[in-house]
Structures are given as C-alpha cells and as structure tokens.
Amino acid sequence: MCYLIAKEFDKKGCIAVKTRHGKALADFTEKLQKQIGANGVQLVTISRPSAYGEYEPYEIVENKEKFQERVLSLWKGAMMEKPVLSPDFTIEDIHKLREYNYEVTKHMTDEERMDYYNKAGRAFQREIEAARLQEVR
C-alpha cells in the first residue's frame, strides 16, 4: 500500500488517496501529470502520511476518481490568473472577482478561507490609506 498525494506549491496541506504500487498507479499518475502539466501542483507517492509531516494536513479521498477530480480543480485554481479590472469597476469586474475568489478558495478550510480574505482585506486597506495620503499631498 501507498498514498498518492497532490500538493499545491507554497500552500499548506495536500490531497491524498490510498492506492497500490504498480503499473496502474504509474499510468494513472502519468495521465494526470499530463493533464495538469508541470505548473502549480506536484504529485508524489509516499509510504504513509505519518512519515511525511511536511504535507499535513492530509485530505484523504475515497478513490482515484475523486482524487483526479480534486486535483484538476486544485490545478485550475492554482493556474487561474488574477482578473484584470476596468478603470470604471463595472458589474463585470465584480463577476470576475467572485469567480476568481471562488476558484482560489473553494477547497480551503474555513480557517484558510478566513485568513485568505483577511490578508486581502488588510492589503486593500493599505492601498486605500496610501491613496488618501497621495491626495493630501
């Protein structure tokens, strides 16, 4: 027995599925790697989760189909570029932001999602404060 894991670079945690070594695993991993390419998500086979604390927390899914679905979704979120907003900030910009944030956060835990939005909110507050200081000068 072994675990196939998918880890998004620079993010905490991973997705894992319990499986067996062999040709079927090699073929599955190769096919999935071709789908996601070399960017954003790494696929690794490990012996047991308790031996690899650097990948924690583990989200263990029940089968390879769910694993593939989750990895492709994770990859899409990792590869999605930040939206370009118009100077007038239209309703379309709001839709772009919502779609982007949904893709980025849909597989986060509640705590990770809260941290994500709090960091973005604080960064935006700093931008507003800097703009106000520019107006005063």
N, C-alpha and C. Protein backbone atom coordinates (compact mmCIF):
# COMPACT_ATOMS: atom_id res chain seq x y z
N MET A 1 0.84 -1.19 0.00
CA MET A 1 0.00 0.00 0.00
C MET A 1 0.88 1.25 0.00
N CYS A 2 0.32 2.32 -0.57
CA CYS A 2 0.99 3.61 -0.58
C CYS A 2 -0.09 4.69 -0.71
N TYR A 3 0.34 5.92 -0.71
CA TYR A 3 -0.57 7.05 -0.90
C TYR A 3 -0.04 7.90 -2.03
N LEU A 4 -0.92 8.27 -2.92
CA LEU A 4 -0.59 9.24 -3.95
C LEU A 4 -1.11 10.58 -3.43
N ILE A 5 -0.23 11.57 -3.41
CA ILE A 5 -0.65 12.87 -2.91
C ILE A 5 -0.46 13.93 -3.99
N ALA A 6 -1.27 14.97 -3.88
CA ALA A 6 -1.15 16.15 -4.74
C ALA A 6 -0.97 17.34 -3.82
N LYS A 7 0.11 18.07 -4.04
CA LYS A 7 0.45 19.20 -3.18
C LYS A 7 0.59 20.44 -4.05
N GLU A 8 -0.16 21.47 -3.69
CA GLU A 8 -0.03 22.74 -4.39
C GLU A 8 1.18 23.47 -3.82
N PHE A 9 2.06 23.93 -4.71
CA PHE A 9 3.27 24.62 -4.28
C PHE A 9 2.92 25.81 -3.40
N ASP A 10 3.71 26.03 -2.38
CA ASP A 10 3.58 27.19 -1.48
C ASP A 10 2.26 27.23 -0.72
N LYS A 11 1.56 26.12 -0.63
CA LYS A 11 0.32 26.05 0.13
C LYS A 11 0.44 24.96 1.18
N LYS A 12 -0.35 25.09 2.22
CA LYS A 12 -0.35 24.11 3.30
C LYS A 12 -1.33 22.98 2.95
N GLY A 13 -0.95 21.74 3.29
CA GLY A 13 -1.85 20.60 3.11
C GLY A 13 -1.75 19.97 1.73
N CYS A 14 -2.46 18.83 1.59
CA CYS A 14 -2.46 18.11 0.32
C CYS A 14 -3.71 17.25 0.22
N ILE A 15 -3.91 16.71 -0.97
CA ILE A 15 -4.98 15.76 -1.24
C ILE A 15 -4.31 14.39 -1.38
N ALA A 16 -4.90 13.35 -0.82
CA ALA A 16 -4.27 12.02 -0.87
C ALA A 16 -5.31 10.95 -1.16
N VAL A 17 -4.84 9.86 -1.77
CA VAL A 17 -5.68 8.69 -1.99
C VAL A 17 -4.82 7.45 -1.70
N LYS A 18 -5.41 6.52 -0.98
CA LYS A 18 -4.72 5.26 -0.68
C LYS A 18 -4.79 4.38 -1.92
N THR A 19 -3.65 3.80 -2.30
CA THR A 19 -3.60 3.02 -3.53
C THR A 19 -2.51 1.95 -3.43
N ARG A 20 -2.21 1.30 -4.54
CA ARG A 20 -1.18 0.26 -4.58
C ARG A 20 -0.14 0.64 -5.63
N HIS A 21 1.13 0.28 -5.34
CA HIS A 21 2.19 0.47 -6.32
C HIS A 21 1.91 -0.40 -7.54
N GLY A 22 2.45 -0.03 -8.66
CA GLY A 22 2.33 -0.87 -9.84
C GLY A 22 2.06 -0.07 -11.10
N LYS A 23 1.86 -0.78 -12.18
CA LYS A 23 1.66 -0.17 -13.49
C LYS A 23 0.40 0.70 -13.52
N ALA A 24 -0.67 0.24 -12.90
CA ALA A 24 -1.91 1.02 -12.90
C ALA A 24 -1.70 2.39 -12.25
N LEU A 25 -0.96 2.43 -11.14
CA LEU A 25 -0.67 3.70 -10.47
C LEU A 25 0.23 4.57 -11.35
N ALA A 26 1.25 3.95 -11.95
CA ALA A 26 2.15 4.71 -12.83
C ALA A 26 1.40 5.31 -14.01
N ASP A 27 0.51 4.53 -14.62
CA ASP A 27 -0.28 5.03 -15.75
C ASP A 27 -1.22 6.15 -15.31
N PHE A 28 -1.88 5.97 -14.18
CA PHE A 28 -2.80 6.98 -13.66
C PHE A 28 -2.06 8.28 -13.38
N THR A 29 -0.90 8.18 -12.71
CA THR A 29 -0.11 9.37 -12.36
C THR A 29 0.40 10.07 -13.61
N GLU A 30 0.87 9.29 -14.58
CA GLU A 30 1.38 9.87 -15.82
C GLU A 30 0.28 10.62 -16.57
N LYS A 31 -0.89 10.01 -16.66
CA LYS A 31 -2.02 10.66 -17.34
C LYS A 31 -2.43 11.94 -16.62
N LEU A 32 -2.52 11.89 -15.31
CA LEU A 32 -2.90 13.07 -14.53
C LEU A 32 -1.85 14.15 -14.64
N GLN A 33 -0.57 13.77 -14.61
CA GLN A 33 0.51 14.76 -14.73
C GLN A 33 0.45 15.46 -16.08
N LYS A 34 0.12 14.72 -17.13
CA LYS A 34 -0.03 15.34 -18.46
C LYS A 34 -1.18 16.34 -18.46
N GLN A 35 -2.25 16.04 -17.74
CA GLN A 35 -3.39 16.95 -17.69
C GLN A 35 -3.05 18.25 -16.97
N ILE A 36 -2.29 18.16 -15.88
CA ILE A 36 -2.01 19.36 -15.09
C ILE A 36 -0.71 20.04 -15.50
N GLY A 37 0.13 19.36 -16.26
CA GLY A 37 1.40 19.95 -16.67
C GLY A 37 2.37 20.03 -15.51
N ALA A 38 3.38 20.87 -15.68
CA ALA A 38 4.45 20.98 -14.68
C ALA A 38 4.28 22.19 -13.77
N ASN A 39 3.14 22.83 -13.81
CA ASN A 39 2.96 24.07 -13.04
C ASN A 39 1.93 23.92 -11.93
N GLY A 40 2.26 24.44 -10.76
CA GLY A 40 1.27 24.61 -9.71
C GLY A 40 1.07 23.46 -8.74
N VAL A 41 1.03 22.22 -9.22
CA VAL A 41 0.70 21.09 -8.35
C VAL A 41 1.70 19.96 -8.59
N GLN A 42 2.22 19.40 -7.50
CA GLN A 42 3.13 18.26 -7.64
C GLN A 42 2.44 16.99 -7.20
N LEU A 43 2.74 15.88 -7.86
CA LEU A 43 2.22 14.56 -7.49
C LEU A 43 3.37 13.75 -6.91
N VAL A 44 3.13 13.14 -5.76
CA VAL A 44 4.17 12.38 -5.06
C VAL A 44 3.55 11.11 -4.49
N THR A 45 4.30 10.02 -4.51
CA THR A 45 3.86 8.78 -3.87
C THR A 45 4.64 8.64 -2.56
N ILE A 46 3.91 8.38 -1.47
CA ILE A 46 4.54 8.20 -0.16
C ILE A 46 4.08 6.89 0.46
N SER A 47 4.83 6.42 1.45
CA SER A 47 4.50 5.14 2.08
C SER A 47 3.34 5.28 3.06
N ARG A 48 3.38 6.33 3.88
CA ARG A 48 2.31 6.55 4.85
C ARG A 48 2.32 8.02 5.27
N PRO A 49 1.16 8.60 5.49
CA PRO A 49 1.09 10.02 5.85
C PRO A 49 1.84 10.38 7.13
N SER A 50 1.85 9.51 8.12
CA SER A 50 2.50 9.83 9.39
C SER A 50 4.01 10.03 9.24
N ALA A 51 4.59 9.54 8.16
CA ALA A 51 6.03 9.69 7.94
C ALA A 51 6.39 10.99 7.23
N TYR A 52 5.40 11.73 6.76
CA TYR A 52 5.65 12.92 5.97
C TYR A 52 4.83 14.10 6.49
N GLY A 53 5.27 14.64 7.61
CA GLY A 53 4.56 15.75 8.24
C GLY A 53 4.54 17.01 7.41
N GLU A 54 5.51 17.17 6.49
CA GLU A 54 5.57 18.39 5.68
C GLU A 54 4.38 18.55 4.74
N TYR A 55 3.63 17.47 4.51
CA TYR A 55 2.47 17.55 3.62
C TYR A 55 1.16 17.76 4.38
N GLU A 56 1.20 17.77 5.69
CA GLU A 56 -0.02 17.91 6.50
C GLU A 56 -0.66 19.28 6.31
N PRO A 57 -1.96 19.39 6.50
CA PRO A 57 -2.92 18.32 6.78
C PRO A 57 -3.28 17.55 5.50
N TYR A 58 -3.61 16.30 5.66
CA TYR A 58 -3.98 15.43 4.55
C TYR A 58 -5.49 15.42 4.39
N GLU A 59 -5.95 15.63 3.17
CA GLU A 59 -7.37 15.43 2.85
C GLU A 59 -7.41 14.12 2.07
N ILE A 60 -7.80 13.05 2.72
CA ILE A 60 -7.80 11.73 2.08
C ILE A 60 -9.16 11.49 1.44
N VAL A 61 -9.13 11.26 0.13
CA VAL A 61 -10.36 10.99 -0.61
C VAL A 61 -10.51 9.48 -0.80
N GLU A 62 -11.72 9.04 -1.12
CA GLU A 62 -12.00 7.60 -1.10
C GLU A 62 -11.56 6.82 -2.33
N ASN A 63 -11.36 7.48 -3.48
CA ASN A 63 -10.95 6.72 -4.67
C ASN A 63 -10.20 7.61 -5.66
N LYS A 64 -9.64 6.98 -6.69
CA LYS A 64 -8.83 7.71 -7.67
C LYS A 64 -9.65 8.70 -8.48
N GLU A 65 -10.91 8.39 -8.73
CA GLU A 65 -11.76 9.30 -9.49
C GLU A 65 -11.96 10.61 -8.73
N LYS A 66 -12.26 10.51 -7.43
CA LYS A 66 -12.40 11.71 -6.60
C LYS A 66 -11.07 12.47 -6.52
N PHE A 67 -9.98 11.71 -6.42
CA PHE A 67 -8.66 12.31 -6.35
C PHE A 67 -8.39 13.12 -7.62
N GLN A 68 -8.64 12.52 -8.77
CA GLN A 68 -8.42 13.20 -10.04
C GLN A 68 -9.29 14.46 -10.15
N GLU A 69 -10.53 14.35 -9.76
CA GLU A 69 -11.45 15.49 -9.79
C GLU A 69 -10.92 16.63 -8.92
N ARG A 70 -10.49 16.29 -7.71
CA ARG A 70 -9.98 17.30 -6.77
C ARG A 70 -8.68 17.92 -7.27
N VAL A 71 -7.79 17.09 -7.84
CA VAL A 71 -6.51 17.60 -8.34
C VAL A 71 -6.74 18.55 -9.51
N LEU A 72 -7.61 18.18 -10.43
CA LEU A 72 -7.88 19.06 -11.57
C LEU A 72 -8.51 20.37 -11.11
N SER A 73 -9.35 20.30 -10.12
CA SER A 73 -9.95 21.51 -9.57
C SER A 73 -8.89 22.36 -8.87
N LEU A 74 -8.03 21.73 -8.11
CA LEU A 74 -6.94 22.42 -7.42
C LEU A 74 -6.02 23.08 -8.44
N TRP A 75 -5.68 22.36 -9.49
CA TRP A 75 -4.80 22.87 -10.53
C TRP A 75 -5.43 24.08 -11.21
N LYS A 76 -6.72 24.00 -11.50
CA LYS A 76 -7.40 25.13 -12.13
C LYS A 76 -7.32 26.38 -11.25
N GLY A 77 -7.52 26.19 -9.95
CA GLY A 77 -7.42 27.32 -9.03
C GLY A 77 -6.00 27.86 -8.95
N ALA A 78 -5.02 26.98 -8.97
CA ALA A 78 -3.62 27.41 -8.89
C ALA A 78 -3.19 28.14 -10.16
N MET A 79 -3.74 27.74 -11.29
CA MET A 79 -3.33 28.33 -12.56
C MET A 79 -4.15 29.56 -12.95
N MET A 80 -5.23 29.79 -12.27
CA MET A 80 -6.09 30.91 -12.64
C MET A 80 -5.39 32.23 -12.35
N GLU A 81 -5.35 33.09 -13.34
CA GLU A 81 -4.70 34.39 -13.17
C GLU A 81 -5.66 35.37 -12.51
N LYS A 82 -5.07 36.33 -11.80
CA LYS A 82 -5.89 37.36 -11.19
C LYS A 82 -6.60 38.13 -12.30
N PRO A 83 -7.84 38.50 -12.09
CA PRO A 83 -8.58 39.20 -13.14
C PRO A 83 -8.06 40.62 -13.35
N VAL A 84 -8.16 41.08 -14.58
CA VAL A 84 -7.82 42.47 -14.91
C VAL A 84 -9.12 43.26 -14.83
N LEU A 85 -9.12 44.29 -14.00
CA LEU A 85 -10.33 45.08 -13.76
C LEU A 85 -10.30 46.36 -14.57
N SER A 86 -11.48 46.82 -14.97
CA SER A 86 -11.58 48.05 -15.74
C SER A 86 -11.43 49.26 -14.81
N PRO A 87 -11.02 50.39 -15.34
CA PRO A 87 -10.87 51.59 -14.51
C PRO A 87 -12.19 52.06 -13.89
N ASP A 88 -13.31 51.71 -14.53
CA ASP A 88 -14.63 52.14 -14.05
C ASP A 88 -15.24 51.18 -13.03
N PHE A 89 -14.61 50.03 -12.81
CA PHE A 89 -15.09 48.98 -11.90
C PHE A 89 -16.58 48.70 -12.12
N THR A 90 -16.84 47.90 -13.12
CA THR A 90 -18.21 47.56 -13.54
C THR A 90 -18.71 46.29 -12.87
N ILE A 91 -19.95 45.97 -13.15
CA ILE A 91 -20.54 44.73 -12.63
C ILE A 91 -19.77 43.51 -13.15
N GLU A 92 -19.24 43.61 -14.36
CA GLU A 92 -18.42 42.52 -14.92
C GLU A 92 -17.17 42.29 -14.09
N ASP A 93 -16.60 43.37 -13.56
CA ASP A 93 -15.43 43.24 -12.70
C ASP A 93 -15.79 42.49 -11.41
N ILE A 94 -16.95 42.77 -10.88
CA ILE A 94 -17.41 42.07 -9.68
C ILE A 94 -17.56 40.58 -9.97
N HIS A 95 -18.12 40.25 -11.13
CA HIS A 95 -18.27 38.84 -11.53
C HIS A 95 -16.90 38.17 -11.66
N LYS A 96 -15.94 38.87 -12.27
CA LYS A 96 -14.59 38.31 -12.42
C LYS A 96 -13.97 38.03 -11.06
N LEU A 97 -14.11 38.99 -10.14
CA LEU A 97 -13.54 38.83 -8.80
C LEU A 97 -14.19 37.67 -8.05
N ARG A 98 -15.49 37.57 -8.16
CA ARG A 98 -16.19 36.48 -7.47
C ARG A 98 -15.76 35.12 -8.01
N GLU A 99 -15.67 35.01 -9.34
CA GLU A 99 -15.25 33.74 -9.94
C GLU A 99 -13.83 33.39 -9.51
N TYR A 100 -12.93 34.37 -9.57
CA TYR A 100 -11.55 34.14 -9.18
C TYR A 100 -11.46 33.69 -7.72
N ASN A 101 -12.11 34.42 -6.81
CA ASN A 101 -12.06 34.08 -5.40
C ASN A 101 -12.70 32.72 -5.11
N TYR A 102 -13.76 32.39 -5.82
CA TYR A 102 -14.38 31.08 -5.65
C TYR A 102 -13.39 29.97 -6.03
N GLU A 103 -12.75 30.11 -7.19
CA GLU A 103 -11.82 29.08 -7.66
C GLU A 103 -10.64 28.94 -6.71
N VAL A 104 -10.15 30.06 -6.19
CA VAL A 104 -8.99 30.02 -5.31
C VAL A 104 -9.35 29.42 -3.95
N THR A 105 -10.55 29.68 -3.45
CA THR A 105 -10.89 29.31 -2.07
C THR A 105 -11.80 28.09 -1.91
N LYS A 106 -12.30 27.53 -2.99
CA LYS A 106 -13.35 26.51 -2.86
C LYS A 106 -12.91 25.24 -2.12
N HIS A 107 -11.63 24.96 -2.07
CA HIS A 107 -11.18 23.76 -1.36
C HIS A 107 -10.42 24.09 -0.08
N MET A 108 -10.50 25.33 0.34
CA MET A 108 -9.84 25.73 1.58
C MET A 108 -10.72 25.37 2.77
N THR A 109 -10.07 25.17 3.89
CA THR A 109 -10.82 25.01 5.13
C THR A 109 -11.38 26.38 5.50
N ASP A 110 -12.32 26.40 6.45
CA ASP A 110 -12.88 27.68 6.88
C ASP A 110 -11.78 28.60 7.39
N GLU A 111 -10.83 28.05 8.14
CA GLU A 111 -9.74 28.86 8.69
C GLU A 111 -8.86 29.43 7.57
N GLU A 112 -8.52 28.61 6.59
CA GLU A 112 -7.70 29.07 5.47
C GLU A 112 -8.44 30.15 4.67
N ARG A 113 -9.73 29.95 4.46
CA ARG A 113 -10.53 30.93 3.72
C ARG A 113 -10.58 32.26 4.47
N MET A 114 -10.77 32.20 5.79
CA MET A 114 -10.81 33.42 6.59
C MET A 114 -9.46 34.14 6.53
N ASP A 115 -8.36 33.41 6.63
CA ASP A 115 -7.03 34.02 6.51
C ASP A 115 -6.84 34.67 5.14
N TYR A 116 -7.27 33.98 4.10
CA TYR A 116 -7.15 34.48 2.73
C TYR A 116 -7.86 35.83 2.59
N TYR A 117 -9.11 35.89 3.02
CA TYR A 117 -9.87 37.13 2.89
C TYR A 117 -9.38 38.22 3.82
N ASN A 118 -8.94 37.86 5.02
CA ASN A 118 -8.40 38.87 5.94
C ASN A 118 -7.12 39.49 5.39
N LYS A 119 -6.23 38.67 4.83
CA LYS A 119 -4.99 39.21 4.24
C LYS A 119 -5.31 40.13 3.07
N ALA A 120 -6.23 39.71 2.23
CA ALA A 120 -6.60 40.54 1.08
C ALA A 120 -7.25 41.85 1.55
N GLY A 121 -8.07 41.76 2.56
CA GLY A 121 -8.72 42.96 3.10
C GLY A 121 -7.73 43.94 3.69
N ARG A 122 -6.76 43.42 4.44
CA ARG A 122 -5.73 44.30 5.02
C ARG A 122 -4.88 44.95 3.94
N ALA A 123 -4.56 44.20 2.89
CA ALA A 123 -3.78 44.75 1.78
C ALA A 123 -4.56 45.87 1.09
N PHE A 124 -5.85 45.66 0.91
CA PHE A 124 -6.69 46.69 0.28
C PHE A 124 -6.78 47.93 1.16
N GLN A 125 -6.89 47.75 2.46
CA GLN A 125 -6.92 48.89 3.38
C GLN A 125 -5.63 49.70 3.27
N ARG A 126 -4.50 49.03 3.16
CA ARG A 126 -3.23 49.74 3.00
C ARG A 126 -3.21 50.54 1.70
N GLU A 127 -3.76 49.97 0.63
CA GLU A 127 -3.83 50.69 -0.64
C GLU A 127 -4.69 51.94 -0.53
N ILE A 128 -5.82 51.83 0.15
CA ILE A 128 -6.71 52.99 0.35
C ILE A 128 -6.01 54.06 1.16
N GLU A 129 -5.34 53.66 2.23
CA GLU A 129 -4.62 54.63 3.06
C GLU A 129 -3.52 55.32 2.28
N ALA A 130 -2.80 54.58 1.45
CA ALA A 130 -1.75 55.17 0.63
C ALA A 130 -2.33 56.16 -0.38
N ALA A 131 -3.47 55.82 -0.97
CA ALA A 131 -4.13 56.71 -1.91
C ALA A 131 -4.60 58.00 -1.22
N ARG A 132 -5.11 57.87 -0.01
CA ARG A 132 -5.54 59.07 0.75
C ARG A 132 -4.36 59.96 1.05
N LEU A 133 -3.23 59.37 1.40
CA LEU A 133 -2.03 60.17 1.67
C LEU A 133 -1.56 60.90 0.41
N GLN A 134 -1.70 60.27 -0.74
CA GLN A 134 -1.34 60.91 -2.00
C GLN A 134 -2.25 62.10 -2.30
N GLU A 135 -3.53 61.99 -1.98
CA GLU A 135 -4.48 63.08 -2.18
C GLU A 135 -4.17 64.27 -1.31
N VAL A 136 -3.71 64.03 -0.09
CA VAL A 136 -3.41 65.10 0.86
C VAL A 136 -2.21 65.90 0.38
N ARG A 137 -1.26 65.28 -0.26
CA ARG A 137 -0.03 65.95 -0.72
C ARG A 137 -0.28 66.77 -1.89
